[in-house]
Amino acid sequence: MYGAYGRKAPALLLGWMSTQLKLNRLPKKYRDVLFLVDIEERPYKESLEILEIPCATLKSRLFNARQILKEKLMAKSKAITNI
């Protein structure tokens, strides 16, 4: 099964699944913000209303969530390249 992406389709799927697993393992307060803003692409104002938190808290949690996810993905990438 190569699909529209050719031979890279399975690798892309595995990469997405790995990202999903790491996203699901984030603490809820980070996962919720990341999901609303980055996955669902909701505006900050709407996300603030849903989560009932101040703007500074949303921005802080979003920054931290992205950093944690980035670190987890980089660690996985390093582990793969060291095989």
N, C-alpha and C. Protein backbone atom coordinates (compact mmCIF):
# COMPACT_ATOMS: atom_id res chain seq x y z
N MET A 1 0.84 -1.18 0.00
CA MET A 1 0.00 0.00 0.00
C MET A 1 0.88 1.24 0.00
N TYR A 2 0.99 1.87 -1.15
CA TYR A 2 1.84 3.05 -1.25
C TYR A 2 1.02 4.34 -1.23
N GLY A 3 -0.13 4.35 -1.83
CA GLY A 3 -1.00 5.52 -1.79
C GLY A 3 -0.40 6.73 -2.49
N ALA A 4 -0.95 7.89 -2.17
CA ALA A 4 -0.56 9.14 -2.82
C ALA A 4 0.86 9.56 -2.45
N TYR A 5 1.38 9.08 -1.32
CA TYR A 5 2.71 9.48 -0.87
C TYR A 5 3.80 8.50 -1.29
N GLY A 6 3.45 7.56 -2.12
CA GLY A 6 4.44 6.60 -2.59
C GLY A 6 4.90 5.70 -1.46
N ARG A 7 6.16 5.34 -1.47
CA ARG A 7 6.70 4.40 -0.49
C ARG A 7 6.79 5.00 0.91
N LYS A 8 6.69 6.29 1.04
CA LYS A 8 6.81 6.93 2.35
C LYS A 8 5.53 6.87 3.16
N ALA A 9 4.44 6.42 2.58
CA ALA A 9 3.16 6.40 3.29
C ALA A 9 3.24 5.63 4.62
N PRO A 10 3.80 4.43 4.67
CA PRO A 10 3.88 3.73 5.96
C PRO A 10 4.72 4.49 6.99
N ALA A 11 5.82 5.08 6.56
CA ALA A 11 6.66 5.85 7.48
C ALA A 11 5.93 7.07 8.00
N LEU A 12 5.18 7.75 7.14
CA LEU A 12 4.40 8.91 7.58
C LEU A 12 3.33 8.49 8.58
N LEU A 13 2.70 7.36 8.32
CA LEU A 13 1.67 6.86 9.22
C LEU A 13 2.28 6.51 10.58
N LEU A 14 3.42 5.85 10.58
CA LEU A 14 4.07 5.50 11.84
C LEU A 14 4.51 6.75 12.60
N GLY A 15 4.99 7.75 11.87
CA GLY A 15 5.38 9.01 12.49
C GLY A 15 4.20 9.70 13.14
N TRP A 16 3.07 9.70 12.45
CA TRP A 16 1.86 10.31 12.99
C TRP A 16 1.38 9.54 14.22
N MET A 17 1.42 8.22 14.16
CA MET A 17 0.98 7.41 15.29
C MET A 17 1.87 7.66 16.51
N SER A 18 3.16 7.79 16.29
CA SER A 18 4.10 8.06 17.37
C SER A 18 3.80 9.43 18.00
N THR A 19 3.52 10.40 17.16
CA THR A 19 3.19 11.74 17.64
C THR A 19 1.90 11.71 18.44
N GLN A 20 0.91 10.97 17.96
CA GLN A 20 -0.37 10.84 18.67
C GLN A 20 -0.17 10.23 20.06
N LEU A 21 0.65 9.19 20.13
CA LEU A 21 0.91 8.55 21.42
C LEU A 21 1.57 9.51 22.40
N LYS A 22 2.53 10.27 21.91
CA LYS A 22 3.21 11.23 22.77
C LYS A 22 2.27 12.36 23.18
N LEU A 23 1.43 12.80 22.27
CA LEU A 23 0.45 13.84 22.58
C LEU A 23 -0.52 13.35 23.65
N ASN A 24 -0.97 12.11 23.53
CA ASN A 24 -1.90 11.56 24.50
C ASN A 24 -1.28 11.38 25.89
N ARG A 25 0.03 11.32 25.96
CA ARG A 25 0.71 11.15 27.24
C ARG A 25 1.05 12.47 27.93
N LEU A 26 0.77 13.58 27.28
CA LEU A 26 0.99 14.88 27.91
C LEU A 26 0.00 15.05 29.06
N PRO A 27 0.38 15.78 30.09
CA PRO A 27 -0.60 16.10 31.14
C PRO A 27 -1.82 16.79 30.52
N LYS A 28 -2.98 16.55 31.10
CA LYS A 28 -4.23 17.04 30.54
C LYS A 28 -4.23 18.55 30.29
N LYS A 29 -3.69 19.32 31.22
CA LYS A 29 -3.72 20.78 31.06
C LYS A 29 -2.93 21.22 29.81
N TYR A 30 -1.89 20.49 29.45
CA TYR A 30 -1.13 20.81 28.24
C TYR A 30 -1.79 20.22 27.00
N ARG A 31 -2.25 18.99 27.12
CA ARG A 31 -2.89 18.31 26.00
C ARG A 31 -4.12 19.08 25.51
N ASP A 32 -4.95 19.56 26.44
CA ASP A 32 -6.16 20.28 26.07
C ASP A 32 -5.84 21.54 25.27
N VAL A 33 -4.87 22.31 25.75
CA VAL A 33 -4.49 23.56 25.06
C VAL A 33 -3.93 23.25 23.68
N LEU A 34 -3.03 22.30 23.61
CA LEU A 34 -2.41 21.94 22.34
C LEU A 34 -3.44 21.44 21.34
N PHE A 35 -4.36 20.63 21.83
CA PHE A 35 -5.40 20.09 20.96
C PHE A 35 -6.28 21.21 20.39
N LEU A 36 -6.75 22.11 21.25
CA LEU A 36 -7.64 23.17 20.79
C LEU A 36 -6.95 24.13 19.83
N VAL A 37 -5.75 24.58 20.17
CA VAL A 37 -5.07 25.61 19.39
C VAL A 37 -4.37 25.04 18.15
N ASP A 38 -3.61 23.95 18.33
CA ASP A 38 -2.81 23.44 17.22
C ASP A 38 -3.51 22.39 16.36
N ILE A 39 -4.30 21.53 16.97
CA ILE A 39 -4.96 20.49 16.20
C ILE A 39 -6.27 20.98 15.60
N GLU A 40 -7.13 21.54 16.45
CA GLU A 40 -8.42 22.03 15.96
C GLU A 40 -8.34 23.44 15.36
N GLU A 41 -7.20 24.10 15.55
CA GLU A 41 -6.94 25.46 15.02
C GLU A 41 -8.00 26.47 15.47
N ARG A 42 -8.39 26.35 16.74
CA ARG A 42 -9.34 27.31 17.29
C ARG A 42 -8.59 28.59 17.68
N PRO A 43 -9.23 29.74 17.53
CA PRO A 43 -8.59 30.99 17.96
C PRO A 43 -8.36 31.00 19.47
N TYR A 44 -7.39 31.81 19.91
CA TYR A 44 -7.11 31.90 21.34
C TYR A 44 -8.37 32.25 22.12
N LYS A 45 -9.12 33.22 21.63
CA LYS A 45 -10.31 33.69 22.35
C LYS A 45 -11.28 32.55 22.61
N GLU A 46 -11.53 31.74 21.60
CA GLU A 46 -12.44 30.61 21.74
C GLU A 46 -11.87 29.57 22.71
N SER A 47 -10.58 29.31 22.61
CA SER A 47 -9.93 28.35 23.50
C SER A 47 -9.98 28.82 24.95
N LEU A 48 -9.79 30.12 25.15
CA LEU A 48 -9.87 30.70 26.50
C LEU A 48 -11.25 30.47 27.11
N GLU A 49 -12.26 30.67 26.30
CA GLU A 49 -13.63 30.49 26.78
C GLU A 49 -13.92 29.03 27.12
N ILE A 50 -13.45 28.12 26.29
CA ILE A 50 -13.68 26.69 26.52
C ILE A 50 -12.98 26.23 27.80
N LEU A 51 -11.73 26.63 27.95
CA LEU A 51 -10.92 26.17 29.08
C LEU A 51 -11.13 27.00 30.35
N GLU A 52 -11.72 28.18 30.18
CA GLU A 52 -11.96 29.08 31.30
C GLU A 52 -10.67 29.40 32.06
N ILE A 53 -9.66 29.84 31.31
CA ILE A 53 -8.38 30.23 31.88
C ILE A 53 -7.98 31.59 31.31
N PRO A 54 -7.10 32.33 32.01
CA PRO A 54 -6.62 33.61 31.49
C PRO A 54 -5.72 33.42 30.27
N CYS A 55 -5.58 34.47 29.49
CA CYS A 55 -4.78 34.42 28.27
C CYS A 55 -3.32 34.06 28.56
N ALA A 56 -2.75 34.64 29.61
CA ALA A 56 -1.35 34.34 29.95
C ALA A 56 -1.16 32.86 30.28
N THR A 57 -2.14 32.27 30.92
CA THR A 57 -2.08 30.84 31.26
C THR A 57 -2.13 30.00 29.99
N LEU A 58 -3.02 30.37 29.07
CA LEU A 58 -3.11 29.63 27.81
C LEU A 58 -1.79 29.69 27.06
N LYS A 59 -1.21 30.88 26.95
CA LYS A 59 0.05 31.03 26.22
C LYS A 59 1.18 30.25 26.89
N SER A 60 1.22 30.28 28.21
CA SER A 60 2.25 29.55 28.95
C SER A 60 2.11 28.05 28.76
N ARG A 61 0.88 27.56 28.90
CA ARG A 61 0.64 26.12 28.73
C ARG A 61 0.92 25.67 27.30
N LEU A 62 0.57 26.50 26.33
CA LEU A 62 0.82 26.15 24.94
C LEU A 62 2.32 26.07 24.67
N PHE A 63 3.06 27.04 25.18
CA PHE A 63 4.51 27.02 25.02
C PHE A 63 5.10 25.76 25.66
N ASN A 64 4.70 25.49 26.90
CA ASN A 64 5.23 24.32 27.61
C ASN A 64 4.84 23.02 26.92
N ALA A 65 3.61 22.93 26.45
CA ALA A 65 3.14 21.72 25.76
C ALA A 65 3.97 21.47 24.50
N ARG A 66 4.21 22.52 23.75
CA ARG A 66 5.01 22.37 22.52
C ARG A 66 6.43 21.96 22.84
N GLN A 67 7.01 22.52 23.90
CA GLN A 67 8.37 22.17 24.29
C GLN A 67 8.46 20.71 24.73
N ILE A 68 7.52 20.27 25.55
CA ILE A 68 7.52 18.88 26.03
C ILE A 68 7.38 17.92 24.85
N LEU A 69 6.43 18.21 23.97
CA LEU A 69 6.21 17.34 22.81
C LEU A 69 7.44 17.32 21.91
N LYS A 70 8.04 18.47 21.71
CA LYS A 70 9.26 18.56 20.89
C LYS A 70 10.38 17.70 21.49
N GLU A 71 10.56 17.81 22.80
CA GLU A 71 11.61 17.02 23.47
C GLU A 71 11.35 15.52 23.34
N LYS A 72 10.09 15.12 23.50
CA LYS A 72 9.75 13.70 23.38
C LYS A 72 10.00 13.20 21.96
N LEU A 73 9.65 14.01 20.97
CA LEU A 73 9.85 13.61 19.58
C LEU A 73 11.32 13.60 19.21
N MET A 74 12.09 14.55 19.74
CA MET A 74 13.53 14.58 19.46
C MET A 74 14.21 13.38 20.10
N ALA A 75 13.80 13.00 21.29
CA ALA A 75 14.38 11.83 21.95
C ALA A 75 14.11 10.57 21.13
N LYS A 76 12.90 10.45 20.62
CA LYS A 76 12.55 9.30 19.79
C LYS A 76 13.39 9.31 18.50
N SER A 77 13.56 10.48 17.91
CA SER A 77 14.34 10.61 16.68
C SER A 77 15.79 10.20 16.92
N LYS A 78 16.36 10.64 18.03
CA LYS A 78 17.74 10.28 18.36
C LYS A 78 17.86 8.78 18.60
N ALA A 79 16.88 8.19 19.25
CA ALA A 79 16.91 6.76 19.51
C ALA A 79 16.87 5.96 18.20
N ILE A 80 16.11 6.44 17.25
CA ILE A 80 15.98 5.75 15.96
C ILE A 80 17.29 5.86 15.19
N THR A 81 17.91 7.04 15.18
CA THR A 81 19.14 7.23 14.41
C THR A 81 20.33 6.51 15.04
N ASN A 82 20.25 6.15 16.31
CA ASN A 82 21.34 5.43 16.98
C ASN A 82 21.26 3.92 16.82
N ILE A 83 20.24 3.46 16.15
CA ILE A 83 20.09 2.00 15.95
C ILE A 83 21.09 1.48 14.97
